[in-house]
Amino acid sequence: MQQRQFAAALEIDMPMYSKIERGERRAKREQVIALAKIFQVNPNEFLTLWVADRILEAIEDEKELAGEALNIAKENIKKE
């Protein structure tokens, strides 16, 4: 597919798609799901990677605390 076709499938314009492709902008959840459909993969696979990227971005400047913070978050998720 060409970039313009991906942009159309995601219902965004070409400049926005280019920013997502270059990593200057993060795709939205619904766009990640649309990409999964295009590539014919389980949306949860793409969404898991998308969430992981969001987590990594949130802790990137907290190297010393990141591991323990992730452990706490994991424990809280198990409780829910």
PDB file of N, CA and C in Angstrom:
ATOM      1  N   MET A   1       0.834  -1.192   0.000  1.00  0.00           N
ATOM      2  CA  MET A   1       0.000   0.000   0.000  1.00  0.00           C
ATOM      3  C   MET A   1       0.875   1.250   0.000  1.00  0.00           C
ATOM      4  N   GLN A   2       0.372   2.274  -0.599  1.00  0.00           N
ATOM      5  CA  GLN A   2       1.065   3.549  -0.587  1.00  0.00           C
ATOM      6  C   GLN A   2       0.642   4.347   0.639  1.00  0.00           C
ATOM      7  N   GLN A   3       1.463   5.339   0.986  1.00  0.00           N
ATOM      8  CA  GLN A   3       1.160   6.151   2.164  1.00  0.00           C
ATOM      9  C   GLN A   3      -0.231   6.760   2.088  1.00  0.00           C
ATOM     10  N   ARG A   4      -0.614   7.245   0.939  1.00  0.00           N
ATOM     11  CA  ARG A   4      -1.924   7.885   0.813  1.00  0.00           C
ATOM     12  C   ARG A   4      -3.053   6.893   1.071  1.00  0.00           C
ATOM     13  N   GLN A   5      -2.817   5.611   0.737  1.00  0.00           N
ATOM     14  CA  GLN A   5      -3.829   4.590   0.991  1.00  0.00           C
ATOM     15  C   GLN A   5      -3.937   4.290   2.489  1.00  0.00           C
ATOM     16  N   PHE A   6      -2.775   4.222   3.154  1.00  0.00           N
ATOM     17  CA  PHE A   6      -2.791   4.032   4.606  1.00  0.00           C
ATOM     18  C   PHE A   6      -3.489   5.215   5.275  1.00  0.00           C
ATOM     19  N   ALA A   7      -3.150   6.427   4.853  1.00  0.00           N
ATOM     20  CA  ALA A   7      -3.760   7.624   5.431  1.00  0.00           C
ATOM     21  C   ALA A   7      -5.272   7.591   5.247  1.00  0.00           C
ATOM     22  N   ALA A   8      -5.711   7.232   4.063  1.00  0.00           N
ATOM     23  CA  ALA A   8      -7.151   7.153   3.803  1.00  0.00           C
ATOM     24  C   ALA A   8      -7.814   6.095   4.680  1.00  0.00           C
ATOM     25  N   ALA A   9      -7.162   4.943   4.832  1.00  0.00           N
ATOM     26  CA  ALA A   9      -7.721   3.866   5.659  1.00  0.00           C
ATOM     27  C   ALA A   9      -7.825   4.286   7.126  1.00  0.00           C
ATOM     28  N   LEU A  10      -6.910   5.148   7.560  1.00  0.00           N
ATOM     29  CA  LEU A  10      -6.914   5.626   8.945  1.00  0.00           C
ATOM     30  C   LEU A  10      -7.748   6.897   9.116  1.00  0.00           C
ATOM     31  N   GLU A  11      -8.265   7.390   7.993  1.00  0.00           N
ATOM     32  CA  GLU A  11      -9.078   8.602   7.977  1.00  0.00           C
ATOM     33  C   GLU A  11      -8.320   9.813   8.508  1.00  0.00           C
ATOM     34  N   ILE A  12      -7.074   9.948   8.063  1.00  0.00           N
ATOM     35  CA  ILE A  12      -6.236  11.098   8.404  1.00  0.00           C
ATOM     36  C   ILE A  12      -5.589  11.607   7.127  1.00  0.00           C
ATOM     37  N   ASP A  13      -5.019  12.805   7.199  1.00  0.00           N
ATOM     38  CA  ASP A  13      -4.368  13.347   6.014  1.00  0.00           C
ATOM     39  C   ASP A  13      -2.922  12.846   5.919  1.00  0.00           C
ATOM     40  N   MET A  14      -2.325  13.052   4.768  1.00  0.00           N
ATOM     41  CA  MET A  14      -0.962  12.563   4.523  1.00  0.00           C
ATOM     42  C   MET A  14       0.077  13.140   5.495  1.00  0.00           C
ATOM     43  N   PRO A  15       0.049  14.457   5.763  1.00  0.00           N
ATOM     44  CA  PRO A  15       1.038  14.983   6.719  1.00  0.00           C
ATOM     45  C   PRO A  15       0.959  14.304   8.098  1.00  0.00           C
ATOM     46  N   MET A  16      -0.262  14.053   8.564  1.00  0.00           N
ATOM     47  CA  MET A  16      -0.420  13.390   9.858  1.00  0.00           C
ATOM     48  C   MET A  16       0.110  11.961   9.788  1.00  0.00           C
ATOM     49  N   TYR A  17      -0.213  11.259   8.707  1.00  0.00           N
ATOM     50  CA  TYR A  17       0.280   9.898   8.558  1.00  0.00           C
ATOM     51  C   TYR A  17       1.812   9.878   8.532  1.00  0.00           C
ATOM     52  N   SER A  18       2.410  10.826   7.829  1.00  0.00           N
ATOM     53  CA  SER A  18       3.878  10.907   7.760  1.00  0.00           C
ATOM     54  C   SER A  18       4.478  11.112   9.143  1.00  0.00           C
ATOM     55  N   LYS A  19       3.840  11.951   9.957  1.00  0.00           N
ATOM     56  CA  LYS A  19       4.334  12.183  11.317  1.00  0.00           C
ATOM     57  C   LYS A  19       4.265  10.907  12.153  1.00  0.00           C
ATOM     58  N   ILE A  20       3.184  10.160  12.002  1.00  0.00           N
ATOM     59  CA  ILE A  20       3.058   8.889  12.729  1.00  0.00           C
ATOM     60  C   ILE A  20       4.135   7.921  12.266  1.00  0.00           C
ATOM     61  N   GLU A  21       4.327   7.841  10.968  1.00  0.00           N
ATOM     62  CA  GLU A  21       5.311   6.917  10.414  1.00  0.00           C
ATOM     63  C   GLU A  21       6.732   7.259  10.871  1.00  0.00           C
ATOM     64  N   ARG A  22       7.040   8.550  10.991  1.00  0.00           N
ATOM     65  CA  ARG A  22       8.376   8.987  11.416  1.00  0.00           C
ATOM     66  C   ARG A  22       8.543   8.973  12.933  1.00  0.00           C
ATOM     67  N   GLY A  23       7.474   8.680  13.663  1.00  0.00           N
ATOM     68  CA  GLY A  23       7.551   8.646  15.118  1.00  0.00           C
ATOM     69  C   GLY A  23       7.428  10.007  15.769  1.00  0.00           C
ATOM     70  N   GLU A  24       7.001  11.000  15.010  1.00  0.00           N
ATOM     71  CA  GLU A  24       6.833  12.344  15.553  1.00  0.00           C
ATOM     72  C   GLU A  24       5.478  12.512  16.222  1.00  0.00           C
ATOM     73  N   ARG A  25       4.587  11.609  15.928  1.00  0.00           N
ATOM     74  CA  ARG A  25       3.237  11.637  16.480  1.00  0.00           C
ATOM     75  C   ARG A  25       2.816  10.214  16.775  1.00  0.00           C
ATOM     76  N   ARG A  26       2.060  10.022  17.826  1.00  0.00           N
ATOM     77  CA  ARG A  26       1.594   8.680  18.183  1.00  0.00           C
ATOM     78  C   ARG A  26       0.217   8.422  17.572  1.00  0.00           C
ATOM     79  N   ALA A  27       0.048   7.232  17.041  1.00  0.00           N
ATOM     80  CA  ALA A  27      -1.258   6.847  16.496  1.00  0.00           C
ATOM     81  C   ALA A  27      -2.264   6.729  17.631  1.00  0.00           C
ATOM     82  N   LYS A  28      -3.516   6.999  17.327  1.00  0.00           N
ATOM     83  CA  LYS A  28      -4.584   6.828  18.303  1.00  0.00           C
ATOM     84  C   LYS A  28      -5.000   5.363  18.336  1.00  0.00           C
ATOM     85  N   ARG A  29      -5.678   5.006  19.406  1.00  0.00           N
ATOM     86  CA  ARG A  29      -6.104   3.608  19.604  1.00  0.00           C
ATOM     87  C   ARG A  29      -6.881   3.076  18.399  1.00  0.00           C
ATOM     88  N   GLU A  30      -7.843   3.842  17.925  1.00  0.00           N
ATOM     89  CA  GLU A  30      -8.654   3.383  16.801  1.00  0.00           C
ATOM     90  C   GLU A  30      -7.838   3.233  15.514  1.00  0.00           C
ATOM     91  N   GLN A  31      -6.791   4.034  15.390  1.00  0.00           N
ATOM     92  CA  GLN A  31      -5.907   3.911  14.227  1.00  0.00           C
ATOM     93  C   GLN A  31      -5.066   2.638  14.312  1.00  0.00           C
ATOM     94  N   VAL A  32      -4.661   2.291  15.518  1.00  0.00           N
ATOM     95  CA  VAL A  32      -3.909   1.047  15.719  1.00  0.00           C
ATOM     96  C   VAL A  32      -4.784  -0.157  15.359  1.00  0.00           C
ATOM     97  N   ILE A  33      -6.030  -0.108  15.746  1.00  0.00           N
ATOM     98  CA  ILE A  33      -6.970  -1.183  15.415  1.00  0.00           C
ATOM     99  C   ILE A  33      -7.164  -1.263  13.908  1.00  0.00           C
ATOM    100  N   ALA A  34      -7.290  -0.105  13.258  1.00  0.00           N
ATOM    101  CA  ALA A  34      -7.456  -0.084  11.799  1.00  0.00           C
ATOM    102  C   ALA A  34      -6.228  -0.685  11.105  1.00  0.00           C
ATOM    103  N   LEU A  35      -5.030  -0.364  11.612  1.00  0.00           N
ATOM    104  CA  LEU A  35      -3.809  -0.938  11.034  1.00  0.00           C
ATOM    105  C   LEU A  35      -3.776  -2.455  11.202  1.00  0.00           C
ATOM    106  N   ALA A  36      -4.219  -2.929  12.347  1.00  0.00           N
ATOM    107  CA  ALA A  36      -4.260  -4.376  12.575  1.00  0.00           C
ATOM    108  C   ALA A  36      -5.170  -5.051  11.555  1.00  0.00           C
ATOM    109  N   LYS A  37      -6.289  -4.424  11.265  1.00  0.00           N
ATOM    110  CA  LYS A  37      -7.199  -4.980  10.265  1.00  0.00           C
ATOM    111  C   LYS A  37      -6.550  -4.992   8.884  1.00  0.00           C
ATOM    112  N   ILE A  38      -5.842  -3.913   8.545  1.00  0.00           N
ATOM    113  CA  ILE A  38      -5.160  -3.841   7.241  1.00  0.00           C
ATOM    114  C   ILE A  38      -4.155  -4.975   7.115  1.00  0.00           C
ATOM    115  N   PHE A  39      -3.389  -5.211   8.178  1.00  0.00           N
ATOM    116  CA  PHE A  39      -2.353  -6.252   8.155  1.00  0.00           C
ATOM    117  C   PHE A  39      -2.896  -7.633   8.513  1.00  0.00           C
ATOM    118  N   GLN A  40      -4.181  -7.698   8.795  1.00  0.00           N
ATOM    119  CA  GLN A  40      -4.860  -8.947   9.121  1.00  0.00           C
ATOM    120  C   GLN A  40      -4.203  -9.684  10.297  1.00  0.00           C
ATOM    121  N   VAL A  41      -3.998  -8.927  11.370  1.00  0.00           N
ATOM    122  CA  VAL A  41      -3.480  -9.510  12.607  1.00  0.00           C
ATOM    123  C   VAL A  41      -4.463  -9.203  13.726  1.00  0.00           C
ATOM    124  N   ASN A  42      -4.339  -9.919  14.810  1.00  0.00           N
ATOM    125  CA  ASN A  42      -5.175  -9.696  15.971  1.00  0.00           C
ATOM    126  C   ASN A  42      -4.918  -8.280  16.499  1.00  0.00           C
ATOM    127  N   PRO A  43      -5.953  -7.452  16.614  1.00  0.00           N
ATOM    128  CA  PRO A  43      -5.751  -6.082  17.106  1.00  0.00           C
ATOM    129  C   PRO A  43      -5.060  -6.029  18.464  1.00  0.00           C
ATOM    130  N   ASN A  44      -5.272  -7.038  19.309  1.00  0.00           N
ATOM    131  CA  ASN A  44      -4.636  -7.034  20.624  1.00  0.00           C
ATOM    132  C   ASN A  44      -3.115  -7.084  20.534  1.00  0.00           C
ATOM    133  N   GLU A  45      -2.586  -7.696  19.492  1.00  0.00           N
ATOM    134  CA  GLU A  45      -1.123  -7.718  19.311  1.00  0.00           C
ATOM    135  C   GLU A  45      -0.604  -6.298  19.107  1.00  0.00           C
ATOM    136  N   PHE A  46      -1.239  -5.557  18.204  1.00  0.00           N
ATOM    137  CA  PHE A  46      -0.818  -4.181  17.950  1.00  0.00           C
ATOM    138  C   PHE A  46      -1.105  -3.285  19.147  1.00  0.00           C
ATOM    139  N   LEU A  47      -2.257  -3.480  19.791  1.00  0.00           N
ATOM    140  CA  LEU A  47      -2.600  -2.653  20.942  1.00  0.00           C
ATOM    141  C   LEU A  47      -1.643  -2.877  22.105  1.00  0.00           C
ATOM    142  N   THR A  48      -1.199  -4.107  22.287  1.00  0.00           N
ATOM    143  CA  THR A  48      -0.236  -4.394  23.358  1.00  0.00           C
ATOM    144  C   THR A  48       1.064  -3.636  23.119  1.00  0.00           C
ATOM    145  N   LEU A  49       1.539  -3.644  21.888  1.00  0.00           N
ATOM    146  CA  LEU A  49       2.758  -2.893  21.553  1.00  0.00           C
ATOM    147  C   LEU A  49       2.531  -1.392  21.720  1.00  0.00           C
ATOM    148  N   TRP A  50       1.352  -0.921  21.342  1.00  0.00           N
ATOM    149  CA  TRP A  50       1.005   0.493  21.464  1.00  0.00           C
ATOM    150  C   TRP A  50       1.002   0.929  22.928  1.00  0.00           C
ATOM    151  N   VAL A  51       0.400   0.114  23.799  1.00  0.00           N
ATOM    152  CA  VAL A  51       0.377   0.428  25.231  1.00  0.00           C
ATOM    153  C   VAL A  51       1.794   0.389  25.802  1.00  0.00           C
ATOM    154  N   ALA A  52       2.578  -0.600  25.412  1.00  0.00           N
ATOM    155  CA  ALA A  52       3.957  -0.699  25.897  1.00  0.00           C
ATOM    156  C   ALA A  52       4.756   0.547  25.519  1.00  0.00           C
ATOM    157  N   ASP A  53       4.580   1.041  24.309  1.00  0.00           N
ATOM    158  CA  ASP A  53       5.267   2.265  23.893  1.00  0.00           C
ATOM    159  C   ASP A  53       4.850   3.453  24.747  1.00  0.00           C
ATOM    160  N   ARG A  54       3.571   3.523  25.075  1.00  0.00           N
ATOM    161  CA  ARG A  54       3.077   4.619  25.917  1.00  0.00           C
ATOM    162  C   ARG A  54       3.677   4.541  27.321  1.00  0.00           C
ATOM    163  N   ILE A  55       3.794   3.334  27.846  1.00  0.00           N
ATOM    164  CA  ILE A  55       4.393   3.150  29.170  1.00  0.00           C
ATOM    165  C   ILE A  55       5.861   3.545  29.141  1.00  0.00           C
ATOM    166  N   LEU A  56       6.580   3.066  28.127  1.00  0.00           N
ATOM    167  CA  LEU A  56       8.001   3.396  28.023  1.00  0.00           C
ATOM    168  C   LEU A  56       8.225   4.898  27.900  1.00  0.00           C
ATOM    169  N   GLU A  57       7.371   5.556  27.166  1.00  0.00           N
ATOM    170  CA  GLU A  57       7.487   7.013  27.027  1.00  0.00           C
ATOM    171  C   GLU A  57       7.287   7.696  28.386  1.00  0.00           C
ATOM    172  N   ALA A  58       6.357   7.181  29.168  1.00  0.00           N
ATOM    173  CA  ALA A  58       6.053   7.785  30.466  1.00  0.00           C
ATOM    174  C   ALA A  58       7.200   7.635  31.462  1.00  0.00           C
ATOM    175  N   ILE A  59       7.980   6.573  31.349  1.00  0.00           N
ATOM    176  CA  ILE A  59       9.038   6.323  32.342  1.00  0.00           C
ATOM    177  C   ILE A  59      10.451   6.543  31.806  1.00  0.00           C
ATOM    178  N   GLU A  60      10.570   7.013  30.565  1.00  0.00           N
ATOM    179  CA  GLU A  60      11.888   7.098  29.945  1.00  0.00           C
ATOM    180  C   GLU A  60      12.889   7.951  30.712  1.00  0.00           C
ATOM    181  N   ASP A  61      12.433   8.968  31.420  1.00  0.00           N
ATOM    182  CA  ASP A  61      13.351   9.832  32.167  1.00  0.00           C
ATOM    183  C   ASP A  61      13.488   9.416  33.627  1.00  0.00           C
ATOM    184  N   GLU A  62      12.964   8.270  33.975  1.00  0.00           N
ATOM    185  CA  GLU A  62      12.972   7.800  35.367  1.00  0.00           C
ATOM    186  C   GLU A  62      13.660   6.443  35.481  1.00  0.00           C
ATOM    187  N   LYS A  63      14.832   6.313  34.895  1.00  0.00           N
ATOM    188  CA  LYS A  63      15.533   5.026  34.846  1.00  0.00           C
ATOM    189  C   LYS A  63      15.695   4.388  36.230  1.00  0.00           C
ATOM    190  N   GLU A  64      16.034   5.191  37.239  1.00  0.00           N
ATOM    191  CA  GLU A  64      16.283   4.647  38.577  1.00  0.00           C
ATOM    192  C   GLU A  64      15.012   4.104  39.231  1.00  0.00           C
ATOM    193  N   LEU A  65      13.873   4.688  38.910  1.00  0.00           N
ATOM    194  CA  LEU A  65      12.622   4.329  39.568  1.00  0.00           C
ATOM    195  C   LEU A  65      11.719   3.453  38.701  1.00  0.00           C
ATOM    196  N   ALA A  66      12.037   3.338  37.429  1.00  0.00           N
ATOM    197  CA  ALA A  66      11.142   2.682  36.473  1.00  0.00           C
ATOM    198  C   ALA A  66      10.822   1.235  36.847  1.00  0.00           C
ATOM    199  N   GLY A  67      11.824   0.451  37.203  1.00  0.00           N
ATOM    200  CA  GLY A  67      11.598  -0.959  37.510  1.00  0.00           C
ATOM    201  C   GLY A  67      10.649  -1.156  38.668  1.00  0.00           C
ATOM    202  N   GLU A  68      10.882  -0.424  39.740  1.00  0.00           N
ATOM    203  CA  GLU A  68      10.016  -0.548  40.917  1.00  0.00           C
ATOM    204  C   GLU A  68       8.619  -0.023  40.618  1.00  0.00           C
ATOM    205  N   ALA A  69       8.527   1.066  39.866  1.00  0.00           N
ATOM    206  CA  ALA A  69       7.217   1.614  39.500  1.00  0.00           C
ATOM    207  C   ALA A  69       6.435   0.603  38.661  1.00  0.00           C
ATOM    208  N   LEU A  70       7.109  -0.064  37.741  1.00  0.00           N
ATOM    209  CA  LEU A  70       6.438  -1.080  36.927  1.00  0.00           C
ATOM    210  C   LEU A  70       5.969  -2.253  37.776  1.00  0.00           C
ATOM    211  N   ASN A  71       6.782  -2.643  38.766  1.00  0.00           N
ATOM    212  CA  ASN A  71       6.376  -3.730  39.675  1.00  0.00           C
ATOM    213  C   ASN A  71       5.122  -3.360  40.455  1.00  0.00           C
ATOM    214  N   ILE A  72       5.067  -2.133  40.941  1.00  0.00           N
ATOM    215  CA  ILE A  72       3.899  -1.671  41.685  1.00  0.00           C
ATOM    216  C   ILE A  72       2.671  -1.662  40.771  1.00  0.00           C
ATOM    217  N   ALA A  73       2.835  -1.141  39.580  1.00  0.00           N
ATOM    218  CA  ALA A  73       1.726  -1.104  38.622  1.00  0.00           C
ATOM    219  C   ALA A  73       1.238  -2.514  38.308  1.00  0.00           C
ATOM    220  N   LYS A  74       2.162  -3.436  38.130  1.00  0.00           N
ATOM    221  CA  LYS A  74       1.805  -4.822  37.839  1.00  0.00           C
ATOM    222  C   LYS A  74       1.000  -5.423  38.972  1.00  0.00           C
ATOM    223  N   GLU A  75       1.416  -5.185  40.194  1.00  0.00           N
ATOM    224  CA  GLU A  75       0.684  -5.689  41.351  1.00  0.00           C
ATOM    225  C   GLU A  75      -0.705  -5.092  41.428  1.00  0.00           C
ATOM    226  N   ASN A  76      -0.825  -3.792  41.147  1.00  0.00           N
ATOM    227  CA  ASN A  76      -2.133  -3.140  41.170  1.00  0.00           C
ATOM    228  C   ASN A  76      -3.041  -3.696  40.078  1.00  0.00           C
ATOM    229  N   ILE A  77      -2.492  -4.021  38.939  1.00  0.00           N
ATOM    230  CA  ILE A  77      -3.288  -4.604  37.855  1.00  0.00           C
ATOM    231  C   ILE A  77      -3.816  -5.977  38.268  1.00  0.00           C
ATOM    232  N   LYS A  78      -2.977  -6.758  38.949  1.00  0.00           N
ATOM    233  CA  LYS A  78      -3.397  -8.090  39.400  1.00  0.00           C
ATOM    234  C   LYS A  78      -4.556  -8.003  40.384  1.00  0.00           C
ATOM    235  N   LYS A  79      -4.588  -6.957  41.205  1.00  0.00           N
ATOM    236  CA  LYS A  79      -5.627  -6.792  42.214  1.00  0.00           C
ATOM    237  C   LYS A  79      -6.981  -6.444  41.602  1.00  0.00           C
ATOM    238  N   GLU A  80      -6.965  -5.842  40.437  1.00  0.00           N
ATOM    239  CA  GLU A  80      -8.223  -5.376  39.822  1.00  0.00           C
ATOM    240  C   GLU A  80      -8.977  -6.457  39.175  1.00  0.00           C
TER     241      GLU A  80
END
